[in-house]
Amino acid sequence: MQDKRCSIWHLIAGLIMLFLGILIWVNPMASLLAMAFYLGLILFLLGCGYVTFSLSQYSGWYMVVGLFDIFIGLIFMTNLGLTVETLPIFFALWILASGAIQISGSLEIRKLGMPWGWTLTSGIIGVILAYFILTSQAFGDWALVLTVGTYVIAYGIISIAEYFYFRHYCQLSGQKE
């Protein structure tokens, strides 16, 4: 039986992701517009799921959340300019919340007598980064595109590396691609 990890699709997916990551870096405005649209689409689909679930569970709360998600998703998809302007704000608020949680968590780790400096430092950097994003639209756009592009490139590199690792593993065990 063929091991699925030895598939050429790991390599193809990795190369596609690597290409998309570079494309995100090279075309930041188009990337922001695409992110805005896809965020709206995701919220819309999520809302449809909540509405469908609410009908089967007779839950008014899921219905409200679902209708709200559909409404916000439609606004995001039909007003891409507004969405592009707000994406860095959402990104900054997420980073700010993560940074605050890391700072708080580092103090708890310190009480346990465990190493806590890196967690504190990471939290402080997050809070500072969120501040810069919230105070400068251009910095926020740049940070968002850089972060997403870097993630997609890293995902591509890891997929390519997995292909070669598993290819070597499969060759040792006598399996074909």
N, C-alpha and C. Protein backbone atom coordinates (compact mmCIF):
# COMPACT_ATOMS: atom_id res chain seq x y z
N MET A 1 0.85 -1.19 0.00
CA MET A 1 0.00 0.00 0.00
C MET A 1 0.89 1.25 0.00
N GLN A 2 0.51 2.22 -0.80
CA GLN A 2 1.31 3.44 -0.93
C GLN A 2 1.06 4.37 0.26
N ASP A 3 2.12 4.92 0.79
CA ASP A 3 2.04 5.88 1.87
C ASP A 3 1.67 7.25 1.29
N LYS A 4 0.59 7.86 1.75
CA LYS A 4 0.11 9.14 1.22
C LYS A 4 1.14 10.26 1.42
N ARG A 5 2.02 10.12 2.39
CA ARG A 5 3.01 11.17 2.65
C ARG A 5 4.02 11.28 1.51
N CYS A 6 4.11 10.28 0.65
CA CYS A 6 5.10 10.27 -0.42
C CYS A 6 4.57 10.92 -1.70
N SER A 7 3.43 11.51 -1.66
CA SER A 7 2.78 12.06 -2.84
C SER A 7 3.50 13.28 -3.39
N ILE A 8 3.49 13.40 -4.70
CA ILE A 8 4.07 14.55 -5.39
C ILE A 8 3.27 15.82 -5.10
N TRP A 9 2.04 15.66 -4.60
CA TRP A 9 1.18 16.81 -4.33
C TRP A 9 1.74 17.70 -3.22
N HIS A 10 2.52 17.13 -2.33
CA HIS A 10 3.20 17.96 -1.30
C HIS A 10 4.12 18.97 -1.98
N LEU A 11 4.86 18.48 -2.96
CA LEU A 11 5.79 19.35 -3.68
C LEU A 11 5.03 20.41 -4.48
N ILE A 12 3.99 20.00 -5.18
CA ILE A 12 3.21 20.94 -5.99
C ILE A 12 2.56 22.00 -5.11
N ALA A 13 1.94 21.57 -4.01
CA ALA A 13 1.31 22.53 -3.10
C ALA A 13 2.34 23.48 -2.52
N GLY A 14 3.51 22.97 -2.17
CA GLY A 14 4.56 23.81 -1.62
C GLY A 14 5.03 24.85 -2.61
N LEU A 15 5.21 24.45 -3.87
CA LEU A 15 5.64 25.40 -4.90
C LEU A 15 4.57 26.46 -5.15
N ILE A 16 3.30 26.05 -5.15
CA ILE A 16 2.21 27.01 -5.33
C ILE A 16 2.19 28.01 -4.18
N MET A 17 2.31 27.51 -2.96
CA MET A 17 2.29 28.40 -1.78
C MET A 17 3.49 29.35 -1.80
N LEU A 18 4.63 28.85 -2.18
CA LEU A 18 5.82 29.69 -2.28
C LEU A 18 5.59 30.81 -3.29
N PHE A 19 5.05 30.46 -4.45
CA PHE A 19 4.73 31.44 -5.48
C PHE A 19 3.70 32.46 -4.97
N LEU A 20 2.64 31.98 -4.30
CA LEU A 20 1.61 32.89 -3.79
C LEU A 20 2.16 33.84 -2.73
N GLY A 21 3.04 33.34 -1.88
CA GLY A 21 3.65 34.19 -0.86
C GLY A 21 4.46 35.32 -1.47
N ILE A 22 5.22 35.00 -2.50
CA ILE A 22 6.00 36.03 -3.19
C ILE A 22 5.05 37.01 -3.89
N LEU A 23 3.98 36.48 -4.48
CA LEU A 23 2.99 37.32 -5.15
C LEU A 23 2.34 38.29 -4.15
N ILE A 24 2.09 37.83 -2.94
CA ILE A 24 1.53 38.69 -1.90
C ILE A 24 2.49 39.84 -1.60
N TRP A 25 3.77 39.54 -1.49
CA TRP A 25 4.76 40.58 -1.20
C TRP A 25 4.89 41.58 -2.35
N VAL A 26 4.83 41.06 -3.58
CA VAL A 26 5.05 41.91 -4.75
C VAL A 26 3.83 42.79 -5.05
N ASN A 27 2.64 42.33 -4.74
CA ASN A 27 1.40 43.06 -5.02
C ASN A 27 0.63 43.32 -3.73
N PRO A 28 1.13 44.20 -2.87
CA PRO A 28 0.48 44.38 -1.57
C PRO A 28 -0.96 44.88 -1.63
N MET A 29 -1.29 45.80 -2.53
CA MET A 29 -2.65 46.32 -2.56
C MET A 29 -3.62 45.26 -3.07
N ALA A 30 -3.23 44.54 -4.11
CA ALA A 30 -4.08 43.46 -4.61
C ALA A 30 -4.25 42.38 -3.53
N SER A 31 -3.19 42.14 -2.78
CA SER A 31 -3.26 41.15 -1.70
C SER A 31 -4.22 41.59 -0.61
N LEU A 32 -4.17 42.87 -0.25
CA LEU A 32 -5.09 43.39 0.77
C LEU A 32 -6.53 43.29 0.29
N LEU A 33 -6.76 43.60 -0.98
CA LEU A 33 -8.12 43.49 -1.53
C LEU A 33 -8.60 42.04 -1.50
N ALA A 34 -7.71 41.11 -1.87
CA ALA A 34 -8.07 39.69 -1.85
C ALA A 34 -8.36 39.23 -0.42
N MET A 35 -7.50 39.65 0.53
CA MET A 35 -7.74 39.28 1.93
C MET A 35 -9.08 39.82 2.41
N ALA A 36 -9.39 41.06 2.02
CA ALA A 36 -10.66 41.67 2.42
C ALA A 36 -11.83 40.87 1.87
N PHE A 37 -11.76 40.52 0.60
CA PHE A 37 -12.85 39.76 -0.01
C PHE A 37 -13.01 38.40 0.65
N TYR A 38 -11.89 37.69 0.83
CA TYR A 38 -11.97 36.35 1.40
C TYR A 38 -12.42 36.37 2.86
N LEU A 39 -12.04 37.40 3.60
CA LEU A 39 -12.54 37.53 4.97
C LEU A 39 -14.05 37.70 4.95
N GLY A 40 -14.55 38.53 4.05
CA GLY A 40 -15.99 38.71 3.91
C GLY A 40 -16.68 37.41 3.52
N LEU A 41 -16.10 36.69 2.58
CA LEU A 41 -16.67 35.42 2.14
C LEU A 41 -16.70 34.40 3.29
N ILE A 42 -15.62 34.35 4.04
CA ILE A 42 -15.56 33.42 5.18
C ILE A 42 -16.64 33.77 6.21
N LEU A 43 -16.77 35.05 6.52
CA LEU A 43 -17.81 35.46 7.48
C LEU A 43 -19.20 35.13 6.95
N PHE A 44 -19.42 35.36 5.67
CA PHE A 44 -20.72 35.05 5.06
C PHE A 44 -21.03 33.56 5.17
N LEU A 45 -20.07 32.72 4.79
CA LEU A 45 -20.28 31.27 4.85
C LEU A 45 -20.43 30.79 6.29
N LEU A 46 -19.65 31.35 7.20
CA LEU A 46 -19.78 31.01 8.61
C LEU A 46 -21.17 31.37 9.11
N GLY A 47 -21.65 32.54 8.72
CA GLY A 47 -23.00 32.96 9.11
C GLY A 47 -24.05 32.02 8.58
N CYS A 48 -23.91 31.58 7.33
CA CYS A 48 -24.86 30.62 6.76
C CYS A 48 -24.85 29.32 7.57
N GLY A 49 -23.67 28.91 7.98
CA GLY A 49 -23.57 27.71 8.81
C GLY A 49 -24.28 27.88 10.14
N TYR A 50 -24.08 29.03 10.78
CA TYR A 50 -24.76 29.30 12.05
C TYR A 50 -26.27 29.32 11.88
N VAL A 51 -26.75 29.95 10.82
CA VAL A 51 -28.20 30.02 10.59
C VAL A 51 -28.75 28.61 10.39
N THR A 52 -28.07 27.81 9.57
CA THR A 52 -28.51 26.44 9.33
C THR A 52 -28.51 25.65 10.64
N PHE A 53 -27.45 25.80 11.42
CA PHE A 53 -27.38 25.09 12.70
C PHE A 53 -28.49 25.56 13.64
N SER A 54 -28.77 26.87 13.65
CA SER A 54 -29.80 27.39 14.55
C SER A 54 -31.18 26.82 14.22
N LEU A 55 -31.43 26.56 12.93
CA LEU A 55 -32.72 26.00 12.53
C LEU A 55 -32.87 24.56 13.02
N SER A 56 -31.79 23.81 13.03
CA SER A 56 -31.86 22.43 13.49
C SER A 56 -31.86 22.33 15.01
N GLN A 57 -31.32 23.33 15.70
CA GLN A 57 -31.22 23.30 17.16
C GLN A 57 -32.23 24.23 17.84
N TYR A 58 -33.01 24.95 17.05
CA TYR A 58 -33.99 25.92 17.56
C TYR A 58 -33.32 26.90 18.51
N SER A 59 -32.18 27.43 18.07
CA SER A 59 -31.42 28.35 18.92
C SER A 59 -31.48 29.76 18.34
N GLY A 60 -32.07 30.67 19.10
CA GLY A 60 -32.14 32.06 18.69
C GLY A 60 -30.78 32.73 18.68
N TRP A 61 -29.89 32.32 19.61
CA TRP A 61 -28.58 32.94 19.69
C TRP A 61 -27.74 32.62 18.46
N TYR A 62 -27.77 31.37 18.04
CA TYR A 62 -27.02 31.00 16.82
C TYR A 62 -27.59 31.73 15.61
N MET A 63 -28.91 31.91 15.60
CA MET A 63 -29.53 32.64 14.49
C MET A 63 -29.04 34.09 14.47
N VAL A 64 -28.99 34.73 15.62
CA VAL A 64 -28.53 36.12 15.71
C VAL A 64 -27.07 36.22 15.26
N VAL A 65 -26.24 35.34 15.78
CA VAL A 65 -24.82 35.36 15.40
C VAL A 65 -24.67 35.10 13.90
N GLY A 66 -25.42 34.15 13.39
CA GLY A 66 -25.36 33.83 11.97
C GLY A 66 -25.79 35.00 11.09
N LEU A 67 -26.90 35.64 11.44
CA LEU A 67 -27.35 36.79 10.66
C LEU A 67 -26.35 37.94 10.74
N PHE A 68 -25.77 38.13 11.92
CA PHE A 68 -24.75 39.18 12.09
C PHE A 68 -23.54 38.88 11.21
N ASP A 69 -23.07 37.63 11.22
CA ASP A 69 -21.92 37.25 10.38
C ASP A 69 -22.23 37.42 8.89
N ILE A 70 -23.45 37.04 8.48
CA ILE A 70 -23.84 37.22 7.08
C ILE A 70 -23.83 38.70 6.72
N PHE A 71 -24.39 39.52 7.59
CA PHE A 71 -24.45 40.97 7.37
C PHE A 71 -23.05 41.57 7.25
N ILE A 72 -22.17 41.25 8.20
CA ILE A 72 -20.80 41.77 8.17
C ILE A 72 -20.05 41.23 6.96
N GLY A 73 -20.24 39.95 6.64
CA GLY A 73 -19.60 39.36 5.47
C GLY A 73 -20.00 40.06 4.19
N LEU A 74 -21.30 40.36 4.05
CA LEU A 74 -21.76 41.07 2.85
C LEU A 74 -21.18 42.49 2.79
N ILE A 75 -21.11 43.16 3.93
CA ILE A 75 -20.51 44.50 3.97
C ILE A 75 -19.05 44.42 3.54
N PHE A 76 -18.31 43.45 4.09
CA PHE A 76 -16.90 43.31 3.75
C PHE A 76 -16.71 43.02 2.25
N MET A 77 -17.56 42.15 1.69
CA MET A 77 -17.38 41.78 0.28
C MET A 77 -17.80 42.90 -0.68
N THR A 78 -18.77 43.70 -0.29
CA THR A 78 -19.26 44.74 -1.19
C THR A 78 -18.59 46.09 -0.98
N ASN A 79 -17.84 46.26 0.09
CA ASN A 79 -17.12 47.50 0.37
C ASN A 79 -15.65 47.18 0.64
N LEU A 80 -14.96 46.72 -0.39
CA LEU A 80 -13.59 46.26 -0.21
C LEU A 80 -12.67 47.37 0.30
N GLY A 81 -12.90 48.59 -0.13
CA GLY A 81 -12.07 49.71 0.34
C GLY A 81 -12.17 49.87 1.85
N LEU A 82 -13.40 49.83 2.37
CA LEU A 82 -13.61 49.94 3.81
C LEU A 82 -12.96 48.77 4.54
N THR A 83 -13.11 47.59 3.97
CA THR A 83 -12.54 46.40 4.59
C THR A 83 -11.02 46.47 4.63
N VAL A 84 -10.40 46.93 3.53
CA VAL A 84 -8.95 47.06 3.48
C VAL A 84 -8.49 48.05 4.55
N GLU A 85 -9.26 49.10 4.77
CA GLU A 85 -8.89 50.09 5.79
C GLU A 85 -9.02 49.53 7.20
N THR A 86 -9.96 48.62 7.41
CA THR A 86 -10.17 48.09 8.76
C THR A 86 -9.36 46.83 9.07
N LEU A 87 -8.88 46.13 8.03
CA LEU A 87 -8.09 44.91 8.26
C LEU A 87 -6.91 45.14 9.20
N PRO A 88 -6.11 46.18 8.97
CA PRO A 88 -4.99 46.39 9.90
C PRO A 88 -5.45 46.66 11.35
N ILE A 89 -6.61 47.28 11.50
CA ILE A 89 -7.13 47.54 12.84
C ILE A 89 -7.47 46.22 13.53
N PHE A 90 -8.17 45.32 12.82
CA PHE A 90 -8.47 44.01 13.38
C PHE A 90 -7.18 43.25 13.71
N PHE A 91 -6.24 43.31 12.80
CA PHE A 91 -4.94 42.66 12.97
C PHE A 91 -4.24 43.22 14.22
N ALA A 92 -4.24 44.54 14.36
CA ALA A 92 -3.59 45.18 15.51
C ALA A 92 -4.28 44.81 16.81
N LEU A 93 -5.60 44.77 16.82
CA LEU A 93 -6.33 44.41 18.04
C LEU A 93 -6.05 42.96 18.43
N TRP A 94 -5.93 42.10 17.44
CA TRP A 94 -5.59 40.70 17.72
C TRP A 94 -4.19 40.62 18.32
N ILE A 95 -3.23 41.35 17.73
CA ILE A 95 -1.86 41.35 18.24
C ILE A 95 -1.82 41.96 19.64
N LEU A 96 -2.57 43.03 19.85
CA LEU A 96 -2.62 43.68 21.17
C LEU A 96 -3.15 42.72 22.23
N ALA A 97 -4.25 42.03 21.90
CA ALA A 97 -4.81 41.06 22.86
C ALA A 97 -3.82 39.93 23.13
N SER A 98 -3.18 39.43 22.07
CA SER A 98 -2.19 38.35 22.26
C SER A 98 -1.03 38.84 23.11
N GLY A 99 -0.55 40.05 22.85
CA GLY A 99 0.55 40.62 23.63
C GLY A 99 0.19 40.78 25.09
N ALA A 100 -1.00 41.28 25.35
CA ALA A 100 -1.44 41.46 26.74
C ALA A 100 -1.55 40.11 27.45
N ILE A 101 -2.07 39.10 26.74
CA ILE A 101 -2.17 37.76 27.33
C ILE A 101 -0.78 37.19 27.61
N GLN A 102 0.16 37.43 26.69
CA GLN A 102 1.53 36.95 26.91
C GLN A 102 2.18 37.64 28.11
N ILE A 103 1.98 38.93 28.23
CA ILE A 103 2.55 39.66 29.38
C ILE A 103 1.96 39.11 30.67
N SER A 104 0.65 38.96 30.70
CA SER A 104 -0.01 38.42 31.89
C SER A 104 0.46 36.99 32.17
N GLY A 105 0.54 36.19 31.11
CA GLY A 105 0.99 34.81 31.26
C GLY A 105 2.42 34.72 31.76
N SER A 106 3.26 35.66 31.31
CA SER A 106 4.66 35.62 31.74
C SER A 106 4.77 35.86 33.25
N LEU A 107 3.89 36.72 33.77
CA LEU A 107 3.91 36.97 35.22
C LEU A 107 3.46 35.74 36.00
N GLU A 108 2.52 34.99 35.43
CA GLU A 108 2.09 33.74 36.06
C GLU A 108 3.21 32.70 35.99
N ILE A 109 3.89 32.64 34.86
CA ILE A 109 5.01 31.70 34.71
C ILE A 109 6.12 32.05 35.70
N ARG A 110 6.34 33.35 35.89
CA ARG A 110 7.37 33.80 36.83
C ARG A 110 7.07 33.32 38.25
N LYS A 111 5.79 33.37 38.63
CA LYS A 111 5.39 32.91 39.97
C LYS A 111 5.70 31.43 40.17
N LEU A 112 5.68 30.68 39.07
CA LEU A 112 5.97 29.24 39.15
C LEU A 112 7.46 28.95 39.16
N GLY A 113 8.26 30.02 39.01
CA GLY A 113 9.71 29.85 39.03
C GLY A 113 10.28 29.32 37.74
N MET A 114 9.52 29.46 36.66
CA MET A 114 9.97 28.98 35.36
C MET A 114 10.51 30.15 34.54
N PRO A 115 11.27 29.88 33.48
CA PRO A 115 11.77 30.96 32.62
C PRO A 115 10.59 31.72 31.99
N TRP A 116 10.59 33.03 32.13
CA TRP A 116 9.46 33.83 31.69
C TRP A 116 9.85 35.03 30.84
N GLY A 117 11.12 35.30 30.71
CA GLY A 117 11.60 36.49 30.01
C GLY A 117 11.20 36.55 28.54
N TRP A 118 11.31 35.42 27.84
CA TRP A 118 10.97 35.42 26.42
C TRP A 118 9.48 35.68 26.20
N THR A 119 8.66 35.12 27.06
CA THR A 119 7.22 35.34 26.95
C THR A 119 6.88 36.80 27.20
N LEU A 120 7.52 37.39 28.21
CA LEU A 120 7.31 38.82 28.50
C LEU A 120 7.78 39.67 27.33
N THR A 121 8.95 39.37 26.81
CA THR A 121 9.50 40.13 25.68
C THR A 121 8.59 40.04 24.47
N SER A 122 8.11 38.85 24.17
CA SER A 122 7.21 38.66 23.04
C SER A 122 5.93 39.46 23.22
N GLY A 123 5.40 39.48 24.43
CA GLY A 123 4.19 40.25 24.71
C GLY A 123 4.41 41.74 24.54
N ILE A 124 5.53 42.23 25.04
CA ILE A 124 5.85 43.66 24.92
C ILE A 124 6.02 44.04 23.45
N ILE A 125 6.70 43.20 22.68
CA ILE A 125 6.87 43.47 21.25
C ILE A 125 5.50 43.50 20.57
N GLY A 126 4.62 42.60 20.94
CA GLY A 126 3.28 42.58 20.37
C GLY A 126 2.51 43.85 20.66
N VAL A 127 2.58 44.32 21.89
CA VAL A 127 1.88 45.56 22.26
C VAL A 127 2.46 46.75 21.48
N ILE A 128 3.78 46.80 21.36
CA ILE A 128 4.43 47.89 20.61
C ILE A 128 4.04 47.82 19.13
N LEU A 129 4.07 46.63 18.55
CA LEU A 129 3.68 46.46 17.16
C LEU A 129 2.23 46.89 16.94
N ALA A 130 1.35 46.50 17.85
CA ALA A 130 -0.06 46.90 17.74
C ALA A 130 -0.19 48.42 17.78
N TYR A 131 0.57 49.06 18.64
CA TYR A 131 0.55 50.52 18.73
C TYR A 131 0.93 51.15 17.39
N PHE A 132 2.02 50.68 16.79
CA PHE A 132 2.46 51.22 15.51
C PHE A 132 1.43 50.99 14.40
N ILE A 133 0.82 49.82 14.40
CA ILE A 133 -0.20 49.52 13.39
C ILE A 133 -1.41 50.44 13.56
N LEU A 134 -1.82 50.64 14.81
CA LEU A 134 -2.99 51.48 15.06
C LEU A 134 -2.73 52.96 14.79
N THR A 135 -1.49 53.38 14.88
CA THR A 135 -1.19 54.80 14.67
C THR A 135 -0.74 55.13 13.25
N SER A 136 -0.51 54.12 12.41
CA SER A 136 -0.06 54.38 11.04
C SER A 136 -0.70 53.37 10.09
N GLN A 137 -1.62 53.85 9.26
CA GLN A 137 -2.30 52.98 8.29
C GLN A 137 -1.31 52.30 7.37
N ALA A 138 -0.32 53.05 6.88
CA ALA A 138 0.66 52.47 5.95
C ALA A 138 1.47 51.37 6.63
N PHE A 139 1.87 51.59 7.89
CA PHE A 139 2.61 50.57 8.63
C PHE A 139 1.72 49.34 8.84
N GLY A 140 0.45 49.58 9.13
CA GLY A 140 -0.48 48.47 9.33
C GLY A 140 -0.65 47.63 8.07
N ASP A 141 -0.80 48.30 6.93
CA ASP A 141 -0.92 47.57 5.66
C ASP A 141 0.35 46.76 5.39
N TRP A 142 1.50 47.41 5.58
CA TRP A 142 2.78 46.75 5.35
C TRP A 142 2.94 45.54 6.27
N ALA A 143 2.62 45.71 7.55
CA ALA A 143 2.78 44.63 8.53
C ALA A 143 1.87 43.45 8.19
N LEU A 144 0.65 43.73 7.77
CA LEU A 144 -0.30 42.67 7.43
C LEU A 144 0.17 41.89 6.20
N VAL A 145 0.56 42.60 5.16
CA VAL A 145 1.03 41.94 3.94
C VAL A 145 2.31 41.16 4.21
N LEU A 146 3.23 41.75 4.96
CA LEU A 146 4.48 41.06 5.28
C LEU A 146 4.21 39.79 6.08
N THR A 147 3.33 39.87 7.07
CA THR A 147 3.03 38.71 7.92
C THR A 147 2.37 37.59 7.12
N VAL A 148 1.34 37.94 6.36
CA VAL A 148 0.63 36.90 5.59
C VAL A 148 1.55 36.32 4.52
N GLY A 149 2.28 37.17 3.81
CA GLY A 149 3.21 36.67 2.80
C GLY A 149 4.26 35.75 3.39
N THR A 150 4.81 36.13 4.53
CA THR A 150 5.82 35.31 5.19
C THR A 150 5.24 33.97 5.61
N TYR A 151 4.02 33.97 6.15
CA TYR A 151 3.38 32.72 6.55
C TYR A 151 3.19 31.80 5.34
N VAL A 152 2.69 32.35 4.25
CA VAL A 152 2.42 31.54 3.07
C VAL A 152 3.73 30.99 2.50
N ILE A 153 4.78 31.80 2.47
CA ILE A 153 6.08 31.33 1.99
C ILE A 153 6.62 30.23 2.91
N ALA A 154 6.53 30.44 4.22
CA ALA A 154 7.00 29.43 5.17
C ALA A 154 6.22 28.12 5.00
N TYR A 155 4.92 28.22 4.80
CA TYR A 155 4.09 27.04 4.58
C TYR A 155 4.56 26.30 3.32
N GLY A 156 4.85 27.08 2.27
CA GLY A 156 5.34 26.47 1.03
C GLY A 156 6.67 25.78 1.23
N ILE A 157 7.59 26.43 1.90
CA ILE A 157 8.91 25.84 2.15
C ILE A 157 8.79 24.57 2.98
N ILE A 158 7.95 24.59 3.99
CA ILE A 158 7.76 23.40 4.83
C ILE A 158 7.15 22.26 4.02
N SER A 159 6.18 22.57 3.16
CA SER A 159 5.58 21.52 2.32
C SER A 159 6.61 20.92 1.38
N ILE A 160 7.45 21.75 0.78
CA ILE A 160 8.51 21.25 -0.11
C ILE A 160 9.50 20.39 0.68
N ALA A 161 9.88 20.86 1.86
CA ALA A 161 10.81 20.08 2.70
C ALA A 161 10.19 18.74 3.11
N GLU A 162 8.90 18.75 3.44
CA GLU A 162 8.22 17.50 3.80
C GLU A 162 8.23 16.53 2.63
N TYR A 163 8.00 17.05 1.43
CA TYR A 163 8.02 16.18 0.26
C TYR A 163 9.36 15.47 0.14
N PHE A 164 10.45 16.23 0.24
CA PHE A 164 11.77 15.62 0.08
C PHE A 164 12.09 14.69 1.25
N TYR A 165 11.66 15.06 2.45
CA TYR A 165 11.90 14.19 3.60
C TYR A 165 11.13 12.87 3.43
N PHE A 166 9.84 12.98 3.13
CA PHE A 166 9.03 11.77 3.00
C PHE A 166 9.41 10.97 1.75
N ARG A 167 9.87 11.66 0.71
CA ARG A 167 10.34 10.97 -0.49
C ARG A 167 11.53 10.09 -0.13
N HIS A 168 12.47 10.64 0.63
CA HIS A 168 13.64 9.87 1.08
C HIS A 168 13.18 8.70 1.95
N TYR A 169 12.24 8.94 2.84
CA TYR A 169 11.71 7.91 3.74
C TYR A 169 11.05 6.80 2.91
N CYS A 170 10.27 7.18 1.90
CA CYS A 170 9.58 6.19 1.08
C CYS A 170 10.56 5.38 0.23
N GLN A 171 11.62 6.03 -0.24
CA GLN A 171 12.63 5.32 -1.01
C GLN A 171 13.33 4.28 -0.13
N LEU A 172 13.56 4.64 1.12
CA LEU A 172 14.20 3.69 2.03
C LEU A 172 13.31 2.51 2.32
N SER A 173 11.98 2.75 2.34
CA SER A 173 11.07 1.66 2.65
C SER A 173 10.58 0.94 1.41
N GLY A 174 11.07 1.35 0.21
CA GLY A 174 10.75 0.65 -1.03
C GLY A 174 9.43 1.04 -1.67
N GLN A 175 8.82 2.15 -1.27
CA GLN A 175 7.56 2.59 -1.85
C GLN A 175 7.82 3.52 -3.02
N LYS A 176 6.83 3.60 -3.93
CA LYS A 176 6.90 4.51 -5.06
C LYS A 176 6.06 5.74 -4.77
N GLU A 177 6.35 6.82 -5.53
CA GLU A 177 5.55 8.04 -5.38
C GLU A 177 4.18 7.84 -5.95
